[in-house]
């Protein structure tokens, strides 16, 4: 299934994409696409619904983040060897973990807003893993049993805030709109192998990132198991699994986002995003 949330910010309704690519409203079946809806038994019940019986959503509605009530966004740094190399960082012996604030979440086609004084905004197309079952001390062989599905995430970053202002990465990763998620959540039964997905990003029509999840240093199952050793993963939690090479920081000279830029990005089978970059304005 492809689950989504449609409507104005803060008033999104649950939905899905039917076999003909049409959006159907799920409000009569579930309150929202949240942690409770992502439980294996609830997803199984949703799969049994005759989608033709669901109300169609007319036009081209705004899409919000496909998961509501996200408790935490956990992100993995330097999880592609070539990306680590382009930024001058050694490969980590263990996954490098940082967080993004949940207030950074936005819809897949909402504008990305650069914070006041931003000089080094950057892009990162990534595979997002969405948890469906509580996970604590999970073995790697059982890890994918705790995954509800996958989505596209753009791990937007402000590199000066991230690397030059002291402290943790979270400062450069968490401004509002810095985590566009979607367009939908694709349940894991529709993803044959999360370690064989092409992912890409274009900036102003020029291909900047072109990779495959096969080249991750630490795979999805390992990451879920590894993270569950340090904290409890809850239904609806999001793991951003790292980005392939081609980010602005790695260019020679570096290229950073500016107002008016347009990012298009996607992952094979998981859909596409499009964001126009805007500058922060007081009163936004």
Protein backbone atom coordinates (compact mmCIF):
# COMPACT_ATOMS: atom_id res chain seq x y z
CA UNK A 1 0.00 0.00 0.00
CA UNK A 2 0.89 3.61 -0.49
CA UNK A 3 -0.43 5.52 2.51
CA UNK A 4 -0.52 9.31 2.60
CA UNK A 5 -2.02 12.34 4.29
CA UNK A 6 -3.72 15.05 2.23
CA UNK A 7 -5.00 18.52 2.99
CA UNK A 8 -3.86 21.81 4.52
CA UNK A 9 -1.05 21.87 7.10
CA UNK A 10 -2.38 20.78 10.46
CA UNK A 11 -5.63 19.47 8.98
CA UNK A 12 -4.41 16.54 6.88
CA UNK A 13 -6.65 13.52 6.35
CA UNK A 14 -5.54 9.92 5.87
CA UNK A 15 -5.58 8.40 2.41
CA UNK A 16 -4.05 5.87 0.08
CA UNK A 17 -3.16 5.53 -3.58
CA UNK A 18 -5.26 2.95 -5.42
CA UNK A 19 -4.05 0.66 -8.22
CA UNK A 20 -4.88 3.32 -10.80
CA UNK A 21 -2.83 6.00 -9.06
CA UNK A 22 -5.86 7.80 -7.68
CA UNK A 23 -5.96 9.14 -4.12
CA UNK A 24 -8.69 7.65 -1.93
CA UNK A 25 -9.76 9.04 1.43
CA UNK A 26 -9.34 6.77 4.46
CA UNK A 27 -11.03 9.00 7.04
CA UNK A 28 -13.89 6.53 7.42
CA UNK A 29 -11.46 3.73 8.30
CA UNK A 30 -8.77 5.27 10.50
CA UNK A 31 -8.39 8.60 12.31
CA UNK A 32 -4.96 9.20 10.80
CA UNK A 33 -1.86 7.47 9.45
CA UNK A 34 -0.15 7.31 12.82
CA UNK A 35 1.63 4.78 15.00
CA UNK A 36 -1.59 2.93 15.80
CA UNK A 37 -2.46 2.60 12.11
CA UNK A 38 0.99 1.20 11.33
CA UNK A 39 0.64 -1.85 13.56
CA UNK A 40 0.93 -5.04 11.47
CA UNK A 41 -2.63 -6.17 12.20
CA UNK A 42 -4.03 -2.72 11.34
CA UNK A 43 -2.12 -2.60 8.06
CA UNK A 44 -3.43 -6.08 7.25
CA UNK A 45 -6.99 -4.86 7.80
CA UNK A 46 -6.42 -1.85 5.54
CA UNK A 47 -5.13 -4.13 2.77
CA UNK A 48 -8.42 -6.02 2.80
CA UNK A 49 -10.45 -2.90 2.02
CA UNK A 50 -11.97 -2.65 -1.44
CA UNK A 51 -10.33 0.61 -2.51
CA UNK A 52 -13.15 1.31 -4.99
CA UNK A 53 -15.44 1.70 -1.99
CA UNK A 54 -13.36 4.57 -0.62
CA UNK A 55 -14.22 8.18 -1.54
CA UNK A 56 -11.96 9.57 -4.27
CA UNK A 57 -10.04 12.75 -3.56
CA UNK A 58 -10.54 15.11 -6.46
CA UNK A 59 -7.93 17.40 -7.98
CA UNK A 60 -4.33 17.64 -6.82
CA UNK A 61 -4.44 18.13 -3.08
CA UNK A 62 -1.47 19.18 -1.01
CA UNK A 63 0.28 16.20 0.54
CA UNK A 64 1.54 16.39 4.09
CA UNK A 65 4.07 14.13 5.78
CA UNK A 66 2.62 10.63 5.34
CA UNK A 67 2.96 9.81 9.04
CA UNK A 68 1.28 11.75 11.86
CA UNK A 69 2.48 11.97 15.44
CA UNK A 70 6.11 11.12 14.70
CA UNK A 71 7.86 10.77 18.05
CA UNK A 72 11.44 11.07 16.85
CA UNK A 73 13.52 11.39 13.72
CA UNK A 74 16.81 9.51 14.01
CA UNK A 75 19.39 10.09 11.29
CA UNK A 76 22.59 8.35 10.28
CA UNK A 77 25.62 10.31 9.11
CA UNK A 78 28.24 9.25 6.55
CA UNK A 79 26.47 5.99 5.73
CA UNK A 80 27.71 5.97 2.12
CA UNK A 81 31.49 5.68 1.70
CA UNK A 82 31.69 8.15 -1.20
CA UNK A 83 29.69 10.75 0.72
CA UNK A 84 32.07 10.48 3.68
CA UNK A 85 35.00 10.89 1.29
CA UNK A 86 33.56 13.98 -0.42
CA UNK A 87 33.16 15.71 2.94
CA UNK A 88 36.61 14.68 4.14
CA UNK A 89 35.34 12.40 6.90
CA UNK A 90 36.58 8.89 7.73
CA UNK A 91 34.09 6.04 7.66
CA UNK A 92 32.69 5.49 11.14
CA UNK A 93 33.29 2.18 12.91
CA UNK A 94 29.70 2.34 14.17
CA UNK A 95 26.72 4.25 12.81
CA UNK A 96 26.99 7.98 13.50
CA UNK A 97 23.66 8.92 15.05
CA UNK A 98 22.08 12.36 15.26
CA UNK A 99 18.54 13.63 15.56
CA UNK A 100 16.29 16.03 13.68
CA UNK A 101 13.52 17.86 15.51
CA UNK A 102 10.03 16.64 14.62
CA UNK A 103 9.10 20.30 13.98
CA UNK A 104 11.31 20.04 10.87
CA UNK A 105 8.77 17.74 9.19
CA UNK A 106 6.96 19.10 6.15
CA UNK A 107 5.12 17.83 3.12
CA UNK A 108 7.05 16.47 0.13
CA UNK A 109 6.27 19.46 -2.07
CA UNK A 110 6.14 22.22 0.53
CA UNK A 111 8.76 24.99 0.23
CA UNK A 112 12.06 24.60 2.05
CA UNK A 113 12.70 27.75 4.07
CA UNK A 114 16.26 28.75 4.87
CA UNK A 115 16.72 30.13 8.39
CA UNK A 116 17.55 33.76 9.06
CA UNK A 117 21.17 34.42 8.04
CA UNK A 118 21.63 31.03 6.39
CA UNK A 119 24.65 30.83 4.08
CA UNK A 120 25.23 27.09 3.67
CA UNK A 121 21.95 25.29 3.06
CA UNK A 122 22.39 21.83 1.56
CA UNK A 123 20.39 18.86 0.25
CA UNK A 124 20.47 15.12 1.05
CA UNK A 125 18.13 12.58 -0.55
CA UNK A 126 17.69 9.62 1.81
CA UNK A 127 15.70 6.45 2.36
CA UNK A 128 13.45 6.86 5.39
CA UNK A 129 12.48 3.80 7.43
CA UNK A 130 9.22 4.05 9.38
CA UNK A 131 8.81 1.83 12.43
CA UNK A 132 5.59 -0.17 12.84
CA UNK A 133 6.23 -2.19 16.00
CA UNK A 134 7.96 -1.28 19.26
CA UNK A 135 11.61 -2.35 19.04
CA UNK A 136 14.05 -2.80 21.90
CA UNK A 137 17.05 -5.15 21.73
CA UNK A 138 15.93 -6.52 18.39
CA UNK A 139 18.16 -9.03 16.60
CA UNK A 140 19.22 -8.08 13.08
CA UNK A 141 17.50 -11.14 11.61
CA UNK A 142 14.18 -9.94 13.09
CA UNK A 143 14.66 -6.21 12.55
CA UNK A 144 12.57 -5.80 9.40
CA UNK A 145 9.60 -7.35 11.21
CA UNK A 146 9.46 -4.05 13.12
CA UNK A 147 9.36 -1.89 9.99
CA UNK A 148 6.03 -0.61 8.65
CA UNK A 149 7.41 0.80 5.43
CA UNK A 150 9.63 3.24 3.61
CA UNK A 151 9.52 6.79 2.27
CA UNK A 152 11.63 9.50 0.69
CA UNK A 153 13.13 12.12 3.00
CA UNK A 154 15.24 15.16 2.15
CA UNK A 155 17.63 15.64 5.07
CA UNK A 156 18.02 19.38 4.46
CA UNK A 157 20.98 20.82 6.34
CA UNK A 158 22.56 24.16 7.22
CA UNK A 159 26.25 23.27 7.15
CA UNK A 160 27.50 26.32 9.04
CA UNK A 161 25.10 25.60 11.90
CA UNK A 162 25.94 21.90 11.72
CA UNK A 163 29.72 22.08 11.61
CA UNK A 164 30.92 25.54 12.62
CA UNK A 165 28.72 26.59 15.51
CA UNK A 166 29.74 24.01 18.12
CA UNK A 167 27.72 21.26 19.74
CA UNK A 168 25.78 18.59 17.90
CA UNK A 169 24.55 18.21 14.30
CA UNK A 170 20.97 18.81 15.46
CA UNK A 171 21.39 22.61 15.19
CA UNK A 172 22.02 22.39 11.47
CA UNK A 173 19.40 19.73 10.81
CA UNK A 174 16.24 20.89 12.55
CA UNK A 175 14.95 24.18 11.19
CA UNK A 176 11.29 24.15 10.16
CA UNK A 177 10.83 22.48 6.71
CA UNK A 178 14.21 20.69 6.94
CA UNK A 179 12.62 17.22 6.80
CA UNK A 180 10.28 16.93 3.79
CA UNK A 181 8.82 13.41 4.00
CA UNK A 182 6.77 11.55 1.41
CA UNK A 183 4.91 11.71 -0.92
CA UNK A 184 3.66 8.52 0.69
CA UNK A 185 4.62 5.68 2.97
CA UNK A 186 5.10 2.50 0.96
CA UNK A 187 4.45 -0.54 3.15
CA UNK A 188 7.33 -2.99 3.34
CA UNK A 189 5.47 -5.74 1.45
CA UNK A 190 5.83 -3.61 -1.70
CA UNK A 191 9.58 -3.14 -1.31
CA UNK A 192 11.36 -6.34 -2.31
CA UNK A 193 14.75 -5.25 -1.03
CA UNK A 194 15.45 -1.95 0.76
CA UNK A 195 19.13 -2.47 -0.11
CA UNK A 196 18.52 -2.24 -3.85
CA UNK A 197 16.80 1.09 -4.46
CA UNK A 198 17.99 3.86 -6.76
CA UNK A 199 17.85 7.35 -5.28
CA UNK A 200 18.57 10.69 -6.92
CA UNK A 201 18.31 14.46 -6.54
CA UNK A 202 18.28 17.28 -9.10
CA UNK A 203 18.98 20.93 -8.32
CA UNK A 204 17.55 23.35 -10.87
CA UNK A 205 17.30 20.54 -13.39
CA UNK A 206 20.90 19.32 -12.93
CA UNK A 207 21.49 15.85 -11.52
CA UNK A 208 23.48 16.20 -8.30
CA UNK A 209 22.96 12.87 -6.53
CA UNK A 210 22.62 9.49 -8.20
CA UNK A 211 23.07 6.51 -5.92
CA UNK A 212 21.76 3.17 -4.73
CA UNK A 213 20.98 1.93 -1.24
CA UNK A 214 23.11 -1.13 -2.06
CA UNK A 215 26.17 0.99 -1.25
CA UNK A 216 25.16 1.82 2.32
CA UNK A 217 27.85 1.12 4.88
CA UNK A 218 25.24 -0.08 7.39
CA UNK A 219 22.05 -1.61 5.97
CA UNK A 220 18.49 -1.06 7.13
CA UNK A 221 18.18 -4.25 9.19
CA UNK A 222 21.46 -3.57 10.96
CA UNK A 223 20.45 0.03 11.71
CA UNK A 224 17.11 -0.95 13.24
CA UNK A 225 18.80 -3.58 15.40
CA UNK A 226 21.68 -1.27 16.32
CA UNK A 227 19.48 1.66 17.34
CA UNK A 228 17.27 -0.62 19.41
CA UNK A 229 20.27 -1.31 21.66
CA UNK A 230 20.32 2.31 22.80
CA UNK A 231 16.69 3.42 22.80
CA UNK A 232 13.19 2.12 22.22
CA UNK A 233 11.91 2.58 18.68
CA UNK A 234 8.19 3.29 18.67
CA UNK A 235 5.56 2.98 15.92
CA UNK A 236 5.74 6.04 13.72
CA UNK A 237 9.39 6.80 14.45
CA UNK A 238 11.45 7.70 11.38
CA UNK A 239 15.03 6.67 10.61
CA UNK A 240 16.84 8.65 7.89
CA UNK A 241 19.49 6.24 6.66
CA UNK A 242 22.12 8.51 5.12
CA UNK A 243 22.77 10.09 1.74
CA UNK A 244 24.85 9.13 -1.31
CA UNK A 245 27.52 11.47 -2.71
CA UNK A 246 26.70 14.68 -4.53
CA UNK A 247 25.76 17.09 -1.75
CA UNK A 248 26.58 20.77 -2.08
CA UNK A 249 29.26 20.64 0.59
CA UNK A 250 31.16 18.08 -1.49
CA UNK A 251 31.31 20.19 -4.65
CA UNK A 252 34.51 22.01 -5.65
CA UNK A 253 33.84 24.79 -4.91
CA UNK A 254 30.90 24.05 -2.57
CA UNK A 255 27.41 24.88 -3.84
CA UNK A 256 24.75 25.92 -1.35
CA UNK A 257 21.03 26.53 -1.59
CA UNK A 258 19.67 29.97 -2.34
CA UNK A 259 16.14 31.36 -2.61
CA UNK A 260 14.55 30.40 -5.93
CA UNK A 261 16.37 27.08 -6.24
CA UNK A 262 14.24 24.02 -6.98
CA UNK A 263 15.04 20.54 -5.71
CA UNK A 264 13.52 17.40 -7.23
CA UNK A 265 14.34 14.07 -5.66
CA UNK A 266 13.06 10.54 -5.50
CA UNK A 267 13.64 6.89 -4.74
CA UNK A 268 12.75 3.98 -6.98
CA UNK A 269 9.21 2.81 -6.16
CA UNK A 270 8.76 5.36 -3.37
CA UNK A 271 7.79 8.45 -5.34
CA UNK A 272 9.20 11.93 -5.88
CA UNK A 273 9.39 15.26 -4.09
CA UNK A 274 9.73 18.84 -5.34
CA UNK A 275 10.67 21.81 -3.18
CA UNK A 276 11.24 25.46 -3.99
CA UNK A 277 13.75 27.13 -1.70
CA UNK A 278 12.67 30.32 0.07
CA UNK A 279 14.28 32.71 2.53
CA UNK A 280 12.94 33.17 6.04
CA UNK A 281 10.81 36.27 6.47
CA UNK A 282 9.84 37.68 9.85
CA UNK A 283 6.25 36.78 10.47
CA UNK A 284 6.46 33.41 8.69
